[in-house]
C-alpha atoms as a PDB file:
ATOM      1  CA  MET A   1     -74.423  40.274 -46.142  1.00  0.00           C
ATOM      2  CA  GLN A   2     -72.058  37.583 -47.439  1.00  0.00           C
ATOM      3  CA  ASN A   3     -71.647  34.551 -45.211  1.00  0.00           C
ATOM      4  CA  SER A   4     -67.998  34.408 -44.110  1.00  0.00           C
ATOM      5  CA  ILE A   5     -67.855  30.626 -43.717  1.00  0.00           C
ATOM      6  CA  VAL A   6     -68.281  29.761 -47.384  1.00  0.00           C
ATOM      7  CA  ASP A   7     -65.414  28.828 -49.681  1.00  0.00           C
ATOM      8  CA  TYR A   8     -67.330  29.992 -52.754  1.00  0.00           C
ATOM      9  CA  ASP A   9     -70.400  32.023 -53.470  1.00  0.00           C
ATOM     10  CA  VAL A  10     -71.342  29.684 -56.325  1.00  0.00           C
ATOM     11  CA  ILE A  11     -70.236  26.204 -57.333  1.00  0.00           C
ATOM     12  CA  ILE A  12     -71.273  25.055 -60.797  1.00  0.00           C
ATOM     13  CA  VAL A  13     -71.496  21.307 -61.382  1.00  0.00           C
ATOM     14  CA  GLY A  14     -70.531  20.345 -64.937  1.00  0.00           C
ATOM     15  CA  ALA A  15     -68.170  21.831 -67.532  1.00  0.00           C
ATOM     16  CA  GLY A  16     -70.293  21.365 -70.634  1.00  0.00           C
ATOM     17  CA  LEU A  17     -72.050  24.055 -72.640  1.00  0.00           C
ATOM     18  CA  SER A  18     -74.356  25.030 -69.753  1.00  0.00           C
ATOM     19  CA  GLY A  19     -71.622  25.153 -67.131  1.00  0.00           C
ATOM     20  CA  ILE A  20     -69.295  27.224 -69.304  1.00  0.00           C
ATOM     21  CA  GLY A  21     -72.114  29.599 -70.244  1.00  0.00           C
ATOM     22  CA  THR A  22     -73.085  30.003 -66.587  1.00  0.00           C
ATOM     23  CA  ALA A  23     -69.470  30.722 -65.614  1.00  0.00           C
ATOM     24  CA  TYR A  24     -69.165  33.406 -68.282  1.00  0.00           C
ATOM     25  CA  HIS A  25     -72.312  35.198 -67.083  1.00  0.00           C
ATOM     26  CA  LEU A  26     -71.252  35.018 -63.432  1.00  0.00           C
ATOM     27  CA  GLN A  27     -67.822  36.383 -64.274  1.00  0.00           C
ATOM     28  CA  THR A  28     -69.294  39.174 -66.392  1.00  0.00           C
ATOM     29  CA  GLN A  29     -72.364  40.188 -64.423  1.00  0.00           C
ATOM     30  CA  CYS A  30     -71.236  39.336 -60.880  1.00  0.00           C
ATOM     31  CA  PRO A  31     -67.460  39.866 -60.889  1.00  0.00           C
ATOM     32  CA  HIS A  32     -67.388  40.176 -57.091  1.00  0.00           C
ATOM     33  CA  LEU A  33     -68.559  36.569 -56.588  1.00  0.00           C
ATOM     34  CA  ARG A  34     -66.185  33.700 -55.919  1.00  0.00           C
ATOM     35  CA  PHE A  35     -67.100  30.692 -58.035  1.00  0.00           C
ATOM     36  CA  LYS A  36     -65.732  27.568 -59.665  1.00  0.00           C
ATOM     37  CA  ILE A  37     -66.887  24.754 -61.920  1.00  0.00           C
ATOM     38  CA  ILE A  38     -66.382  21.177 -60.785  1.00  0.00           C
ATOM     39  CA  GLU A  39     -66.272  18.480 -63.461  1.00  0.00           C
ATOM     40  CA  GLY A  40     -66.126  14.770 -62.691  1.00  0.00           C
ATOM     41  CA  ARG A  41     -64.363  13.853 -65.895  1.00  0.00           C
ATOM     42  CA  GLY A  42     -60.835  14.742 -66.953  1.00  0.00           C
ATOM     43  CA  ALA A  43     -61.892  17.160 -69.691  1.00  0.00           C
ATOM     44  CA  ILE A  44     -64.454  19.843 -70.408  1.00  0.00           C
ATOM     45  CA  GLY A  45     -67.195  19.287 -72.963  1.00  0.00           C
ATOM     46  CA  GLY A  46     -69.879  17.210 -71.275  1.00  0.00           C
ATOM     47  CA  THR A  47     -71.896  15.374 -73.911  1.00  0.00           C
ATOM     48  CA  TRP A  48     -69.439  16.292 -76.629  1.00  0.00           C
ATOM     49  CA  ASP A  49     -66.496  14.770 -74.804  1.00  0.00           C
ATOM     50  CA  LEU A  50     -68.390  11.707 -73.533  1.00  0.00           C
ATOM     51  CA  PHE A  51     -69.760  10.432 -76.830  1.00  0.00           C
ATOM     52  CA  ARG A  52     -67.226   9.194 -79.386  1.00  0.00           C
ATOM     53  CA  TYR A  53     -69.373   7.108 -81.717  1.00  0.00           C
ATOM     54  CA  PRO A  54     -68.920   7.513 -85.498  1.00  0.00           C
ATOM     55  CA  GLY A  55     -70.729  10.504 -86.961  1.00  0.00           C
ATOM     56  CA  ILE A  56     -71.542  12.236 -83.667  1.00  0.00           C
ATOM     57  CA  ARG A  57     -72.951  15.676 -84.335  1.00  0.00           C
ATOM     58  CA  SER A  58     -75.438  18.155 -82.974  1.00  0.00           C
ATOM     59  CA  ASP A  59     -79.032  17.737 -84.023  1.00  0.00           C
ATOM     60  CA  SER A  60     -79.627  21.402 -83.155  1.00  0.00           C
ATOM     61  CA  ASP A  61     -78.620  24.497 -85.098  1.00  0.00           C
ATOM     62  CA  MET A  62     -75.364  25.684 -83.535  1.00  0.00           C
ATOM     63  CA  TYR A  63     -76.012  29.304 -84.525  1.00  0.00           C
ATOM     64  CA  THR A  64     -78.807  29.333 -81.939  1.00  0.00           C
ATOM     65  CA  PHE A  65     -77.561  26.495 -79.686  1.00  0.00           C
ATOM     66  CA  GLY A  66     -74.161  28.156 -79.215  1.00  0.00           C
ATOM     67  CA  PHE A  67     -73.178  30.915 -76.814  1.00  0.00           C
ATOM     68  CA  SER A  68     -74.846  34.301 -77.338  1.00  0.00           C
ATOM     69  CA  PHE A  69     -71.642  35.986 -76.113  1.00  0.00           C
ATOM     70  CA  ASN A  70     -69.349  34.055 -78.466  1.00  0.00           C
ATOM     71  CA  ALA A  71     -71.106  33.512 -81.768  1.00  0.00           C
ATOM     72  CA  TRP A  72     -70.736  30.224 -83.652  1.00  0.00           C
ATOM     73  CA  LYS A  73     -68.768  31.001 -86.812  1.00  0.00           C
ATOM     74  CA  ASN A  74     -68.289  27.551 -88.306  1.00  0.00           C
ATOM     75  CA  ASP A  75     -69.880  27.105 -91.746  1.00  0.00           C
ATOM     76  CA  LYS A  76     -71.781  24.025 -90.533  1.00  0.00           C
ATOM     77  CA  SER A  77     -74.818  24.851 -88.456  1.00  0.00           C
ATOM     78  CA  ILE A  78     -75.443  21.159 -87.751  1.00  0.00           C
ATOM     79  CA  SER A  79     -71.910  20.427 -86.682  1.00  0.00           C
ATOM     80  CA  ASP A  80     -69.805  17.445 -85.651  1.00  0.00           C
ATOM     81  CA  GLY A  81     -68.825  16.729 -82.069  1.00  0.00           C
ATOM     82  CA  GLN A  82     -65.148  17.652 -82.424  1.00  0.00           C
ATOM     83  CA  ALA A  83     -65.978  21.099 -83.828  1.00  0.00           C
ATOM     84  CA  ILE A  84     -68.278  21.712 -80.846  1.00  0.00           C
ATOM     85  CA  LEU A  85     -65.551  20.596 -78.424  1.00  0.00           C
ATOM     86  CA  ASP A  86     -63.089  22.954 -80.133  1.00  0.00           C
ATOM     87  CA  TYR A  87     -65.630  25.777 -79.851  1.00  0.00           C
ATOM     88  CA  MET A  88     -66.008  25.202 -76.112  1.00  0.00           C
ATOM     89  CA  SER A  89     -62.233  25.070 -75.584  1.00  0.00           C
ATOM     90  CA  GLN A  90     -61.792  28.317 -77.525  1.00  0.00           C
ATOM     91  CA  THR A  91     -64.531  29.943 -75.440  1.00  0.00           C
ATOM     92  CA  VAL A  92     -62.851  28.897 -72.189  1.00  0.00           C
ATOM     93  CA  GLU A  93     -59.529  30.318 -73.400  1.00  0.00           C
ATOM     94  CA  LYS A  94     -61.000  33.511 -74.839  1.00  0.00           C
ATOM     95  CA  PHE A  95     -62.842  34.442 -71.651  1.00  0.00           C
ATOM     96  CA  HIS A  96     -60.164  33.238 -69.214  1.00  0.00           C
ATOM     97  CA  LEU A  97     -62.306  30.575 -67.565  1.00  0.00           C
ATOM     98  CA  LYS A  98     -59.716  27.793 -67.426  1.00  0.00           C
ATOM     99  CA  ASP A  99     -58.599  28.638 -63.881  1.00  0.00           C
ATOM    100  CA  LYS A 100     -62.221  28.421 -62.721  1.00  0.00           C
ATOM    101  CA  ILE A 101     -62.562  24.765 -63.794  1.00  0.00           C
ATOM    102  CA  GLN A 102     -61.597  21.932 -61.436  1.00  0.00           C
ATOM    103  CA  LEU A 103     -61.455  18.653 -63.374  1.00  0.00           C
ATOM    104  CA  HIS A 104     -61.546  15.126 -61.879  1.00  0.00           C
ATOM    105  CA  SER A 105     -63.959  16.451 -59.245  1.00  0.00           C
ATOM    106  CA  LYS A 106     -67.198  14.522 -58.824  1.00  0.00           C
ATOM    107  CA  LEU A 107     -69.935  15.786 -56.535  1.00  0.00           C
ATOM    108  CA  THR A 108     -70.937  12.866 -54.298  1.00  0.00           C
ATOM    109  CA  GLN A 109     -73.024  14.614 -51.647  1.00  0.00           C
ATOM    110  CA  ALA A 110     -74.690  17.992 -51.153  1.00  0.00           C
ATOM    111  CA  ALA A 111     -76.323  19.051 -47.877  1.00  0.00           C
ATOM    112  CA  TRP A 112     -78.139  22.327 -47.272  1.00  0.00           C
ATOM    113  CA  ASN A 113     -77.842  24.018 -43.861  1.00  0.00           C
ATOM    114  CA  SER A 114     -80.567  26.625 -43.331  1.00  0.00           C
ATOM    115  CA  ALA A 115     -78.922  28.127 -40.236  1.00  0.00           C
ATOM    116  CA  GLU A 116     -75.748  28.866 -42.181  1.00  0.00           C
ATOM    117  CA  ALA A 117     -77.554  29.464 -45.491  1.00  0.00           C
ATOM    118  CA  ALA A 118     -74.953  27.353 -47.239  1.00  0.00           C
ATOM    119  CA  TRP A 119     -74.393  24.072 -49.037  1.00  0.00           C
ATOM    120  CA  THR A 120     -71.765  21.633 -47.843  1.00  0.00           C
ATOM    121  CA  LEU A 121     -70.427  19.560 -50.728  1.00  0.00           C
ATOM    122  CA  ASN A 122     -68.409  16.374 -50.675  1.00  0.00           C
ATOM    123  CA  ILE A 123     -66.310  16.242 -53.830  1.00  0.00           C
ATOM    124  CA  GLU A 124     -64.425  13.104 -54.789  1.00  0.00           C
ATOM    125  CA  ARG A 125     -61.195  13.595 -56.685  1.00  0.00           C
ATOM    126  CA  THR A 126     -61.590  10.923 -59.359  1.00  0.00           C
ATOM    127  CA  ASP A 127     -57.840  10.905 -60.054  1.00  0.00           C
ATOM    128  CA  THR A 128     -56.716  10.433 -56.431  1.00  0.00           C
ATOM    129  CA  LYS A 129     -59.919   9.143 -54.720  1.00  0.00           C
ATOM    130  CA  GLN A 130     -59.510  11.797 -52.035  1.00  0.00           C
ATOM    131  CA  ILE A 131     -62.586  13.597 -50.713  1.00  0.00           C
ATOM    132  CA  GLU A 132     -62.587  17.357 -50.315  1.00  0.00           C
ATOM    133  CA  THR A 133     -65.286  19.464 -48.739  1.00  0.00           C
ATOM    134  CA  ASN A 134     -66.420  22.856 -50.017  1.00  0.00           C
ATOM    135  CA  MET A 135     -69.128  25.198 -48.848  1.00  0.00           C
ATOM    136  CA  CYS A 136     -71.046  27.550 -51.110  1.00  0.00           C
ATOM    137  CA  ARG A 137     -74.081  29.792 -50.981  1.00  0.00           C
ATOM    138  CA  PHE A 138     -75.476  28.722 -54.363  1.00  0.00           C
ATOM    139  CA  LEU A 139     -75.202  25.342 -56.079  1.00  0.00           C
ATOM    140  CA  PHE A 140     -75.799  25.472 -59.817  1.00  0.00           C
ATOM    141  CA  SER A 141     -76.422  22.118 -61.506  1.00  0.00           C
ATOM    142  CA  CYS A 142     -75.363  21.955 -65.160  1.00  0.00           C
ATOM    143  CA  THR A 143     -75.106  18.176 -65.340  1.00  0.00           C
ATOM    144  CA  GLY A 144     -77.399  17.442 -68.263  1.00  0.00           C
ATOM    145  CA  TYR A 145     -79.669  14.417 -68.248  1.00  0.00           C
ATOM    146  CA  TYR A 146     -77.327  11.522 -69.051  1.00  0.00           C
ATOM    147  CA  ASP A 147     -76.110   9.012 -66.508  1.00  0.00           C
ATOM    148  CA  TYR A 148     -72.504   9.099 -67.704  1.00  0.00           C
ATOM    149  CA  GLU A 149     -71.561   5.824 -66.043  1.00  0.00           C
ATOM    150  CA  ASN A 150     -74.665   3.677 -66.518  1.00  0.00           C
ATOM    151  CA  SER A 151     -76.422   4.266 -69.810  1.00  0.00           C
ATOM    152  CA  TYR A 152     -79.786   2.664 -70.502  1.00  0.00           C
ATOM    153  CA  ARG A 153     -79.101  -0.802 -71.834  1.00  0.00           C
ATOM    154  CA  PRO A 154     -82.066  -3.117 -72.536  1.00  0.00           C
ATOM    155  CA  HIS A 155     -81.597  -6.854 -72.290  1.00  0.00           C
ATOM    156  CA  PHE A 156     -82.533  -8.760 -75.425  1.00  0.00           C
ATOM    157  CA  PRO A 157     -83.890 -12.272 -74.888  1.00  0.00           C
ATOM    158  CA  ASN A 158     -81.271 -14.916 -75.725  1.00  0.00           C
ATOM    159  CA  GLU A 159     -78.673 -12.246 -76.565  1.00  0.00           C
ATOM    160  CA  GLU A 160     -75.960 -14.471 -75.091  1.00  0.00           C
ATOM    161  CA  ALA A 161     -76.393 -16.692 -78.164  1.00  0.00           C
ATOM    162  CA  PHE A 162     -75.257 -13.829 -80.410  1.00  0.00           C
ATOM    163  CA  THR A 163     -71.608 -14.322 -81.335  1.00  0.00           C
ATOM    164  CA  GLY A 164     -70.990 -10.840 -82.723  1.00  0.00           C
ATOM    165  CA  THR A 165     -70.122  -7.597 -80.995  1.00  0.00           C
ATOM    166  CA  ILE A 166     -72.765  -5.614 -79.097  1.00  0.00           C
ATOM    167  CA  ILE A 167     -71.746  -2.021 -78.458  1.00  0.00           C
ATOM    168  CA  HIS A 168     -73.567   0.937 -76.920  1.00  0.00           C
ATOM    169  CA  PRO A 169     -72.941   4.382 -78.477  1.00  0.00           C
ATOM    170  CA  GLN A 170     -72.307   5.902 -75.060  1.00  0.00           C
ATOM    171  CA  HIS A 171     -69.470   3.441 -74.466  1.00  0.00           C
ATOM    172  CA  TRP A 172     -68.105   3.298 -77.995  1.00  0.00           C
ATOM    173  CA  ASP A 173     -64.718   1.644 -78.392  1.00  0.00           C
ATOM    174  CA  THR A 174     -62.858   3.918 -80.804  1.00  0.00           C
ATOM    175  CA  ALA A 175     -60.503   1.010 -81.608  1.00  0.00           C
ATOM    176  CA  LEU A 176     -63.409  -1.056 -82.967  1.00  0.00           C
ATOM    177  CA  ASP A 177     -62.829  -2.005 -86.608  1.00  0.00           C
ATOM    178  CA  TYR A 178     -66.225  -2.292 -88.299  1.00  0.00           C
ATOM    179  CA  THR A 179     -64.851  -2.474 -91.845  1.00  0.00           C
ATOM    180  CA  ASP A 180     -66.880  -4.892 -94.008  1.00  0.00           C
ATOM    181  CA  LYS A 181     -69.093  -5.864 -91.066  1.00  0.00           C
ATOM    182  CA  ARG A 182     -72.821  -6.391 -91.289  1.00  0.00           C
ATOM    183  CA  ILE A 183     -74.270  -3.974 -88.761  1.00  0.00           C
ATOM    184  CA  VAL A 184     -77.704  -3.658 -87.214  1.00  0.00           C
ATOM    185  CA  ILE A 185     -78.568  -0.374 -85.498  1.00  0.00           C
ATOM    186  CA  ILE A 186     -81.353  -0.727 -82.944  1.00  0.00           C
ATOM    187  CA  GLY A 187     -83.362   2.476 -82.655  1.00  0.00           C
ATOM    188  CA  SER A 188     -84.284   5.294 -84.995  1.00  0.00           C
ATOM    189  CA  GLY A 189     -83.569   8.422 -82.969  1.00  0.00           C
ATOM    190  CA  ALA A 190     -80.974  11.148 -83.476  1.00  0.00           C
ATOM    191  CA  THR A 191     -78.054   8.909 -82.469  1.00  0.00           C
ATOM    192  CA  ALA A 192     -79.025   6.191 -84.932  1.00  0.00           C
ATOM    193  CA  ILE A 193     -79.533   8.671 -87.757  1.00  0.00           C
ATOM    194  CA  THR A 194     -76.125  10.275 -87.203  1.00  0.00           C
ATOM    195  CA  MET A 195     -74.337   6.912 -86.954  1.00  0.00           C
ATOM    196  CA  LEU A 196     -75.919   5.320 -90.029  1.00  0.00           C
ATOM    197  CA  PRO A 197     -74.224   7.332 -92.818  1.00  0.00           C
ATOM    198  CA  GLU A 198     -70.832   7.114 -91.107  1.00  0.00           C
ATOM    199  CA  LEU A 199     -71.012   3.366 -90.522  1.00  0.00           C
END
């Protein structure tokens, strides 16, 4: 029997690929359930909206990484970030999920109450700083594994003596002019390998 005190049956945290995919399946397979997605940022996209460094692209094949219910049709299987963002926006529009997404809504606290079989969530409106409270029966976390606000940033001994610019890919300044600059990329993972040819 459905608990009458809840605002939603399901609240999904995060409007990236996982959150959008989860919303589609809930809407399709459980149309009787009340649900919404909360997203702390002002746009959908998760990783693909957060990162703006030069050359950002998927390091996974989008034909298999994309939604099974909305096939990836772009010619590039290893695609750039903007194409992936466009794909997610088109998916949201195509399957009428826009009204289910509440942007500028950051989950700050979640408490489970066994007697009521429900979660109580404190959600901060990042645009107004107001706190709203919702209750739901299921809490679905689709937040990924990045700390969006505080990326890992090692300290390099004597780095204060460096007179150039130090920039982290997660906090890339899109106004940065790196024309004719001598650049050192620290690291050799997927981010470094995608940045190198573009820089």
